[in-house]
Protein backbone atom coordinates (compact mmCIF):
# COMPACT_ATOMS: atom_id res chain seq x y z
CA UNK A 1 83.30 135.96 163.27
CA UNK A 2 84.49 138.31 160.67
CA UNK A 3 87.83 136.32 160.09
CA UNK A 4 85.64 133.25 159.50
CA UNK A 5 83.20 135.39 157.17
CA UNK A 6 86.64 136.49 155.30
CA UNK A 7 88.19 132.87 155.19
CA UNK A 8 84.62 131.87 153.92
CA UNK A 9 84.63 134.21 151.01
CA UNK A 10 88.18 133.29 149.83
CA UNK A 11 87.30 129.53 150.09
CA UNK A 12 83.96 130.32 147.79
CA UNK A 13 85.90 132.61 145.29
CA UNK A 14 88.88 129.62 145.36
CA UNK A 15 85.98 127.05 144.75
CA UNK A 16 84.38 128.98 141.62
CA UNK A 17 87.56 129.73 140.23
CA UNK A 18 88.71 126.15 139.81
CA UNK A 19 84.93 125.18 138.66
CA UNK A 20 85.22 128.03 136.11
CA UNK A 21 88.94 127.58 135.06
CA UNK A 22 88.14 123.88 134.18
CA UNK A 23 89.56 123.56 130.60
CA UNK A 24 91.12 120.09 128.49
CA UNK A 25 93.36 121.12 125.60
CA UNK A 26 94.63 118.16 123.53
CA UNK A 27 96.87 118.29 120.51
CA UNK A 28 97.07 115.95 117.20
CA UNK A 29 100.29 115.81 114.93
CA UNK A 30 99.72 117.26 111.32
CA UNK A 31 100.13 115.19 108.29
CA UNK A 32 98.06 111.85 109.57
CA UNK A 33 94.61 112.91 107.88
CA UNK A 34 94.93 109.34 106.39
CA UNK A 35 92.72 106.92 108.44
CA UNK A 36 95.22 103.81 108.84
CA UNK A 37 97.67 105.54 106.67
CA UNK A 38 96.40 104.75 103.05
CA UNK A 39 93.37 106.89 102.94
CA UNK A 40 93.51 109.64 100.13
CA UNK A 41 91.08 112.63 99.63
CA UNK A 42 88.29 113.07 97.08
CA UNK A 43 89.48 114.76 94.04
CA UNK A 44 86.76 117.61 94.11
CA UNK A 45 88.85 120.86 94.65
CA UNK A 46 86.52 121.72 97.99
CA UNK A 47 88.73 119.38 99.74
CA UNK A 48 91.61 121.12 100.43
CA UNK A 49 94.82 119.69 101.75
CA UNK A 50 94.48 119.91 105.54
CA UNK A 51 90.77 119.63 105.42
CA UNK A 52 90.53 116.69 107.64
CA UNK A 53 93.70 116.94 109.40
CA UNK A 54 93.03 117.36 113.23
CA UNK A 55 95.30 119.58 115.47
CA UNK A 56 93.55 120.39 118.46
CA UNK A 57 90.79 120.01 120.56
CA UNK A 58 89.77 122.37 123.33
CA UNK A 59 86.82 121.66 125.83
CA UNK A 60 86.31 124.75 128.36
CA UNK A 61 83.80 125.17 131.23
CA UNK A 62 82.17 128.55 131.30
CA UNK A 63 79.37 128.47 133.99
CA UNK A 64 77.36 125.72 133.02
CA UNK A 65 78.12 125.38 129.54
CA UNK A 66 81.02 123.75 127.62
CA UNK A 67 82.45 125.47 125.01
CA UNK A 68 84.57 123.30 122.42
CA UNK A 69 86.86 124.14 119.83
CA UNK A 70 88.26 121.71 117.21
CA UNK A 71 91.34 123.10 115.31
CA UNK A 72 92.07 121.54 111.60
CA UNK A 73 95.02 122.11 109.47
CA UNK A 74 93.62 123.92 106.82
CA UNK A 75 91.66 127.25 106.50
CA UNK A 76 87.64 126.54 106.54
CA UNK A 77 85.47 127.18 103.74
CA UNK A 78 81.90 127.14 103.15
CA UNK A 79 81.72 126.08 99.11
CA UNK A 80 77.93 124.45 99.83
CA UNK A 81 76.66 127.64 101.53
CA UNK A 82 75.54 126.13 104.29
CA UNK A 83 75.82 129.23 106.24
CA UNK A 84 77.88 128.04 109.26
CA UNK A 85 81.53 128.84 108.15
CA UNK A 86 82.21 125.54 106.76
CA UNK A 87 80.60 122.82 104.72
CA UNK A 88 82.76 119.82 104.23
CA UNK A 89 83.95 118.80 107.55
CA UNK A 90 81.85 116.85 110.56
CA UNK A 91 83.18 115.90 113.82
CA UNK A 92 82.19 113.48 116.70
CA UNK A 93 83.37 113.95 120.13
CA UNK A 94 83.27 110.90 121.89
CA UNK A 95 82.95 111.77 125.56
CA UNK A 96 83.81 108.87 128.51
CA UNK A 97 82.32 110.82 131.54
CA UNK A 98 81.08 107.47 133.53
CA UNK A 99 81.74 103.87 132.99
CA UNK A 100 81.47 104.18 129.33
CA UNK A 101 77.97 102.64 128.22
CA UNK A 102 78.62 102.47 124.15
CA UNK A 103 81.43 100.42 122.87
CA UNK A 104 79.59 100.28 119.21
CA UNK A 105 80.46 103.43 117.18
CA UNK A 106 77.45 105.43 115.17
CA UNK A 107 76.24 104.33 112.21
CA UNK A 108 78.35 105.05 109.15
CA UNK A 109 81.70 105.13 111.05
CA UNK A 110 82.27 101.63 111.20
CA UNK A 111 84.60 101.71 114.45
CA UNK A 112 84.34 99.87 117.84
CA UNK A 113 85.71 101.05 121.04
CA UNK A 114 87.84 98.99 122.85
CA UNK A 115 87.12 96.77 126.03
CA UNK A 116 86.65 99.43 128.88
CA UNK A 117 87.32 102.82 126.83
CA UNK A 118 83.39 102.80 125.79
CA UNK A 119 81.91 106.72 125.51
CA UNK A 120 78.66 107.59 127.65
CA UNK A 121 77.99 111.05 125.15
CA UNK A 122 78.74 112.19 121.80
CA UNK A 123 78.76 115.63 120.55
CA UNK A 124 78.08 115.83 116.47
CA UNK A 125 79.41 118.92 114.84
CA UNK A 126 77.85 119.13 111.99
CA UNK A 127 77.24 122.09 109.44
CA UNK A 128 73.93 120.55 108.72
CA UNK A 129 71.05 122.39 110.79
CA UNK A 130 70.37 121.21 114.35
CA UNK A 131 66.73 119.76 112.66
CA UNK A 132 68.36 117.56 110.23
CA UNK A 133 70.81 115.93 112.27
CA UNK A 134 68.24 115.45 115.23
CA UNK A 135 66.10 113.59 112.27
CA UNK A 136 69.16 111.59 110.92
CA UNK A 137 69.92 110.67 114.60
CA UNK A 138 66.01 109.31 115.14
CA UNK A 139 65.74 107.52 112.15
CA UNK A 140 69.43 105.83 112.27
CA UNK A 141 70.82 105.68 115.69
CA UNK A 142 69.75 102.63 117.85
CA UNK A 143 67.13 103.90 120.28
CA UNK A 144 69.27 103.04 123.35
CA UNK A 145 71.68 105.59 122.17
CA UNK A 146 69.80 108.56 121.20
CA UNK A 147 69.66 110.01 124.52
CA UNK A 148 73.45 109.90 124.53
CA UNK A 149 73.88 112.16 121.29
CA UNK A 150 74.38 115.81 122.07
CA UNK A 151 73.29 117.98 119.30
CA UNK A 152 74.49 121.79 119.45
CA UNK A 153 72.03 124.76 118.46
CA UNK A 154 74.86 125.93 116.44
CA UNK A 155 77.95 124.93 115.11
CA UNK A 156 80.51 127.72 113.99
CA UNK A 157 83.43 127.52 111.53
CA UNK A 158 86.03 130.35 111.58
CA UNK A 159 89.75 130.38 110.49
CA UNK A 160 90.67 126.84 111.07
CA UNK A 161 88.32 126.19 114.15
CA UNK A 162 85.01 124.64 114.68
CA UNK A 163 83.40 125.63 117.74
CA UNK A 164 80.26 125.07 119.46
CA UNK A 165 78.63 125.19 122.70
CA UNK A 166 76.56 122.42 124.94
CA UNK A 167 74.96 122.20 128.51
CA UNK A 168 77.66 120.74 130.63
CA UNK A 169 74.96 118.47 132.62
CA UNK A 170 73.99 116.93 128.83
CA UNK A 171 78.09 115.53 129.01
CA UNK A 172 78.18 114.23 132.51
CA UNK A 173 79.10 114.80 135.94
CA UNK A 174 82.43 115.76 137.34
CA UNK A 175 85.20 117.03 136.46
CA UNK A 176 86.00 117.14 132.50
CA UNK A 177 89.61 116.57 133.39
CA UNK A 178 88.88 113.85 134.40
CA UNK A 179 87.10 112.56 131.55
CA UNK A 180 88.12 110.74 128.40
CA UNK A 181 87.55 112.09 124.94
CA UNK A 182 87.83 110.59 121.31
CA UNK A 183 87.70 113.21 118.17
CA UNK A 184 86.98 111.61 115.34
CA UNK A 185 87.18 113.82 112.09
CA UNK A 186 84.58 112.84 109.14
CA UNK A 187 83.41 114.66 106.39
CA UNK A 188 79.45 116.17 105.74
CA UNK A 189 77.64 114.13 103.35
CA UNK A 190 74.09 115.70 102.73
CA UNK A 191 73.23 112.97 100.96
CA UNK A 192 74.25 109.95 102.88
CA UNK A 193 73.73 106.11 102.55
CA UNK A 194 70.49 105.13 104.19
CA UNK A 195 72.24 103.25 107.06
CA UNK A 196 74.82 106.18 107.62
CA UNK A 197 74.66 109.44 109.81
CA UNK A 198 75.40 111.91 107.39
CA UNK A 199 78.93 110.26 107.11
CA UNK A 200 81.07 110.01 103.68
CA UNK A 201 81.95 106.68 102.52
CA UNK A 202 85.41 105.57 101.66
CA UNK A 203 86.33 103.26 98.35
CA UNK A 204 88.89 101.32 97.33
CA UNK A 205 89.67 104.36 94.95
CA UNK A 206 88.76 108.25 95.42
CA UNK A 207 86.16 109.92 93.20
CA UNK A 208 85.00 113.33 93.28
CA UNK A 209 83.27 113.23 96.43
CA UNK A 210 84.42 109.78 98.02
CA UNK A 211 87.68 108.97 99.86
CA UNK A 212 90.07 106.18 98.52
CA UNK A 213 92.36 103.96 99.78
CA UNK A 214 89.66 101.67 101.64
CA UNK A 215 87.34 98.90 100.77
CA UNK A 216 84.03 98.94 98.94
CA UNK A 217 82.40 97.38 101.61
CA UNK A 218 81.51 98.63 104.84
CA UNK A 219 84.42 96.89 106.61
CA UNK A 220 86.47 99.92 106.90
CA UNK A 221 86.49 102.54 109.32
CA UNK A 222 85.16 105.91 107.65
CA UNK A 223 87.78 108.04 109.71
CA UNK A 224 90.14 110.74 108.41
CA UNK A 225 91.83 111.61 111.68
CA UNK A 226 91.39 111.24 115.43
CA UNK A 227 93.12 111.31 118.62
CA UNK A 228 95.81 108.92 119.60
CA UNK A 229 98.20 108.19 122.60
CA UNK A 230 98.43 110.89 125.10
CA UNK A 231 97.32 113.62 122.87
CA UNK A 232 100.25 115.90 122.75
CA UNK A 233 100.84 116.39 119.51
CA UNK A 234 104.04 114.52 119.46
CA UNK A 235 104.55 112.39 115.91
CA UNK A 236 104.54 108.98 117.60
CA UNK A 237 101.02 109.50 117.81
CA UNK A 238 100.50 108.77 114.37
CA UNK A 239 101.79 105.22 114.59
CA UNK A 240 99.42 104.79 117.27
CA UNK A 241 96.24 106.18 115.01
CA UNK A 242 97.20 103.86 112.46
CA UNK A 243 97.48 101.10 115.12
CA UNK A 244 93.71 101.63 116.27
CA UNK A 245 92.28 102.10 112.87
CA UNK A 246 93.61 98.94 111.40
CA UNK A 247 90.68 96.62 110.32
CA UNK A 248 90.43 93.20 108.32
CA UNK A 249 87.79 92.62 105.54
CA UNK A 250 86.43 89.61 104.09
CA UNK A 251 86.62 88.74 100.20
CA UNK A 252 83.65 89.97 99.97
CA UNK A 253 83.83 93.18 101.94
CA UNK A 254 82.17 92.14 104.92
CA UNK A 255 83.76 93.00 108.18
CA UNK A 256 86.17 90.39 110.07
CA UNK A 257 87.66 92.68 112.25
CA UNK A 258 86.43 96.79 113.31
CA UNK A 259 88.70 99.15 113.90
CA UNK A 260 89.13 99.43 117.64
CA UNK A 261 89.39 103.08 119.40
CA UNK A 262 90.92 104.18 122.48
CA UNK A 263 90.12 107.25 124.50
CA UNK A 264 92.35 109.94 125.69
CA UNK A 265 92.82 110.84 128.85
CA UNK A 266 93.94 114.61 129.79
CA UNK A 267 94.58 113.81 133.47
CA UNK A 268 96.83 110.82 132.54
């Protein structure tokens, strides 16, 4: 009887350790914060080199919470005094924890997800307060998607890392190391267009607060960097990013072909 109790205790400890040790760690090469290969930063000095250059993504399970860290290639600053340790960045963490319910992107990103690569949940990491983000989601995101949007109570910026914590159950069920992830780096826009979810536009030419190298219409992806390939940070993943973010515009700036994203799977 005593041996059975001992083995049961050991088994429970091993199970608990496996649950609490669940961690996803992905990398992205530096120097690819140019979207499809042509994008340039706004001219204002608050947009420091590397500000939108994704370097790493981590998700770690702690009890019933998921801690998320996103690394960037520049020290974070808070020039607009958002009170969160950062101002200019905004990150969308798309999670495929199920069958992939959605292939459409969120308003203002001008992207879609490839067939079979859809997302089930998305975490918005913004320096804006949770109430402002929630209000924007309720007014701009399609009703059937709103329940899939996860808004952290607080997002923090320190050093070169954006961090937040969300309920694990809000992301899905099962082992996160078997899920698919896509991390989209954008810029926080306090005065967005009426259809854009706090995102900054990409135009043909860069301006004080506009990215350049794209199109003045809404046919180009408003994405500066993302995960690609196997998420190992290999330089070959730069070409994979540029391929995903290919797009085609009509003469009047209308969409002919949206950028089509794929997930990155840590278990592969």
